[in-house]
């Protein structure tokens, strides 16, 4: 993960005349740790991080949809077989 806060070139900070990144209303600082590594402080601009997260979720949703479509296509012949069996059972009764 990398910082998304680019305070030196931030338009919002310049317009609001903010001198320190921590004073910005969009600034979020979080600590991240990975297995067997030191914690890392990540400085984020909330608006930019949200865009990245939405894009990530969108990509995951597309993957889930593709998986569901593949399963549907695999199971379609079984559905037709079940329908035929049901129709034959109705005809016998």
C-alpha atoms as a PDB file:
ATOM      1  CA  UNK A   1       0.000   0.000   0.000  1.00  0.00           C
ATOM      2  CA  UNK A   2       1.199   3.476  -0.781  1.00  0.00           C
ATOM      3  CA  UNK A   3       0.230   6.905   0.457  1.00  0.00           C
ATOM      4  CA  UNK A   4      -2.494   8.661  -1.495  1.00  0.00           C
ATOM      5  CA  UNK A   5      -2.038  11.970   0.340  1.00  0.00           C
ATOM      6  CA  UNK A   6      -0.035  14.324  -1.870  1.00  0.00           C
ATOM      7  CA  UNK A   7      -0.163  17.313   0.453  1.00  0.00           C
ATOM      8  CA  UNK A   8       2.407  19.415  -1.378  1.00  0.00           C
ATOM      9  CA  UNK A   9       0.259  19.475  -4.543  1.00  0.00           C
ATOM     10  CA  UNK A  10      -3.197  19.285  -2.917  1.00  0.00           C
ATOM     11  CA  UNK A  11      -5.641  21.842  -4.285  1.00  0.00           C
ATOM     12  CA  UNK A  12      -7.951  21.527  -1.268  1.00  0.00           C
ATOM     13  CA  UNK A  13      -5.120  22.247   1.161  1.00  0.00           C
ATOM     14  CA  UNK A  14      -4.084  25.311  -0.828  1.00  0.00           C
ATOM     15  CA  UNK A  15      -7.638  26.686  -1.005  1.00  0.00           C
ATOM     16  CA  UNK A  16      -8.258  26.089   2.699  1.00  0.00           C
ATOM     17  CA  UNK A  17      -4.764  27.409   3.519  1.00  0.00           C
ATOM     18  CA  UNK A  18      -3.882  24.308   5.508  1.00  0.00           C
ATOM     19  CA  UNK A  19      -0.267  24.147   6.583  1.00  0.00           C
ATOM     20  CA  UNK A  20      -0.056  20.542   7.835  1.00  0.00           C
ATOM     21  CA  UNK A  21      -1.565  17.429   6.225  1.00  0.00           C
ATOM     22  CA  UNK A  22      -3.049  16.269   9.540  1.00  0.00           C
ATOM     23  CA  UNK A  23      -5.298  19.360   9.635  1.00  0.00           C
ATOM     24  CA  UNK A  24      -6.947  18.525   6.312  1.00  0.00           C
ATOM     25  CA  UNK A  25     -10.547  17.244   6.663  1.00  0.00           C
ATOM     26  CA  UNK A  26      -9.822  14.516   4.081  1.00  0.00           C
ATOM     27  CA  UNK A  27      -6.625  13.266   5.725  1.00  0.00           C
ATOM     28  CA  UNK A  28      -6.714   9.763   7.210  1.00  0.00           C
ATOM     29  CA  UNK A  29      -3.690   8.102   8.780  1.00  0.00           C
ATOM     30  CA  UNK A  30      -3.780   4.355   9.386  1.00  0.00           C
ATOM     31  CA  UNK A  31      -1.272   1.768  10.545  1.00  0.00           C
ATOM     32  CA  UNK A  32      -0.871  -1.370   8.424  1.00  0.00           C
ATOM     33  CA  UNK A  33       0.966  -4.518   9.396  1.00  0.00           C
ATOM     34  CA  UNK A  34       1.775  -7.532   7.306  1.00  0.00           C
ATOM     35  CA  UNK A  35       2.925 -10.899   8.570  1.00  0.00           C
ATOM     36  CA  UNK A  36       6.296 -10.688  10.305  1.00  0.00           C
ATOM     37  CA  UNK A  37       6.906  -7.074   9.283  1.00  0.00           C
ATOM     38  CA  UNK A  38       7.028  -3.731  11.021  1.00  0.00           C
ATOM     39  CA  UNK A  39       3.865  -1.596  11.101  1.00  0.00           C
ATOM     40  CA  UNK A  40       3.712   1.049   8.378  1.00  0.00           C
ATOM     41  CA  UNK A  41       1.924   4.400   8.649  1.00  0.00           C
ATOM     42  CA  UNK A  42      -0.127   5.173   5.545  1.00  0.00           C
ATOM     43  CA  UNK A  43      -1.314   8.745   4.918  1.00  0.00           C
ATOM     44  CA  UNK A  44      -4.405   8.794   2.772  1.00  0.00           C
ATOM     45  CA  UNK A  45      -6.620  11.369   1.174  1.00  0.00           C
ATOM     46  CA  UNK A  46     -10.050   9.909   1.934  1.00  0.00           C
ATOM     47  CA  UNK A  47     -11.580  10.956  -1.375  1.00  0.00           C
ATOM     48  CA  UNK A  48      -8.825   9.297  -3.422  1.00  0.00           C
ATOM     49  CA  UNK A  49      -8.779   6.120  -1.309  1.00  0.00           C
ATOM     50  CA  UNK A  50     -12.541   5.735  -1.722  1.00  0.00           C
ATOM     51  CA  UNK A  51     -12.180   5.843  -5.508  1.00  0.00           C
ATOM     52  CA  UNK A  52      -9.512   3.115  -5.357  1.00  0.00           C
ATOM     53  CA  UNK A  53     -11.657   0.973  -3.063  1.00  0.00           C
ATOM     54  CA  UNK A  54     -14.730   1.334  -5.284  1.00  0.00           C
ATOM     55  CA  UNK A  55     -12.667   0.297  -8.310  1.00  0.00           C
ATOM     56  CA  UNK A  56     -11.363  -2.743  -6.432  1.00  0.00           C
ATOM     57  CA  UNK A  57     -14.884  -3.748  -5.363  1.00  0.00           C
ATOM     58  CA  UNK A  58     -16.165  -3.240  -8.908  1.00  0.00           C
ATOM     59  CA  UNK A  59     -13.464  -5.546 -10.273  1.00  0.00           C
ATOM     60  CA  UNK A  60     -14.311  -8.185  -7.664  1.00  0.00           C
ATOM     61  CA  UNK A  61     -18.012  -7.942  -8.485  1.00  0.00           C
ATOM     62  CA  UNK A  62     -17.264  -8.541 -12.166  1.00  0.00           C
ATOM     63  CA  UNK A  63     -15.286 -11.647 -11.177  1.00  0.00           C
ATOM     64  CA  UNK A  64     -18.184 -12.962  -9.078  1.00  0.00           C
ATOM     65  CA  UNK A  65     -20.630 -12.334 -11.919  1.00  0.00           C
ATOM     66  CA  UNK A  66     -18.422 -14.216 -14.390  1.00  0.00           C
ATOM     67  CA  UNK A  67     -18.155 -17.125 -11.970  1.00  0.00           C
ATOM     68  CA  UNK A  68     -21.929 -17.259 -11.534  1.00  0.00           C
ATOM     69  CA  UNK A  69     -22.452 -17.196 -15.288  1.00  0.00           C
ATOM     70  CA  UNK A  70     -20.002 -20.088 -15.727  1.00  0.00           C
ATOM     71  CA  UNK A  71     -21.837 -22.123 -13.074  1.00  0.00           C
ATOM     72  CA  UNK A  72     -25.174 -21.358 -14.707  1.00  0.00           C
ATOM     73  CA  UNK A  73     -23.875 -22.533 -18.076  1.00  0.00           C
ATOM     74  CA  UNK A  74     -22.509 -25.750 -16.553  1.00  0.00           C
ATOM     75  CA  UNK A  75     -25.785 -26.532 -14.761  1.00  0.00           C
ATOM     76  CA  UNK A  76     -28.145 -25.688 -17.642  1.00  0.00           C
ATOM     77  CA  UNK A  77     -28.210 -29.262 -19.063  1.00  0.00           C
ATOM     78  CA  UNK A  78     -29.094 -30.598 -15.590  1.00  0.00           C
ATOM     79  CA  UNK A  79     -31.949 -28.108 -15.347  1.00  0.00           C
ATOM     80  CA  UNK A  80     -33.370 -29.299 -18.655  1.00  0.00           C
ATOM     81  CA  UNK A  81     -33.060 -32.930 -17.504  1.00  0.00           C
ATOM     82  CA  UNK A  82     -34.878 -32.149 -14.249  1.00  0.00           C
ATOM     83  CA  UNK A  83     -37.657 -30.411 -16.195  1.00  0.00           C
ATOM     84  CA  UNK A  84     -38.076 -33.438 -18.472  1.00  0.00           C
ATOM     85  CA  UNK A  85     -38.238 -35.787 -15.468  1.00  0.00           C
ATOM     86  CA  UNK A  86     -40.857 -33.595 -13.778  1.00  0.00           C
ATOM     87  CA  UNK A  87     -42.961 -33.470 -16.927  1.00  0.00           C
ATOM     88  CA  UNK A  88     -42.829 -37.270 -17.314  1.00  0.00           C
ATOM     89  CA  UNK A  89     -43.809 -37.772 -13.680  1.00  0.00           C
ATOM     90  CA  UNK A  90     -46.812 -35.477 -14.173  1.00  0.00           C
ATOM     91  CA  UNK A  91     -47.813 -37.447 -17.267  1.00  0.00           C
ATOM     92  CA  UNK A  92     -47.746 -40.750 -15.313  1.00  0.00           C
ATOM     93  CA  UNK A  93     -50.044 -39.470 -12.582  1.00  0.00           C
END
